[in-house]
Amino acid sequence: MSTIYKISFRAKLKDGLSLQRLHDCLKKLNVKHWAYDFQNLLLSLQSDLPDFRSIQSALRSAGFRCDFVKMENVDNLVTG
């Protein structure tokens, strides 16, 4: 079983189309669980990719301005 990471980015979406573009971008990365907090401009997602930079790079390539906030090992949160 692969390790799952919860990764958070500060990201600003400009319009409704951006949400669909974000969904499409994350789907290509095989990210199944994600949420966007419009009030705090925070994108949180769960991924088995241990390197957040590949996700950040894909988001930036899709036109999103995002900054890494934090990364947590979800397995440690559940068992710890």
Foldseek 3Di string as FASTA:
>chain_A
DFWKKKWKKQWADDDPVSVVLVVVLVVVVVFDDWDADNVRSMIITMDSDPDCVVVVVSCVVSPIDIDTDDMDGVVVVVVD
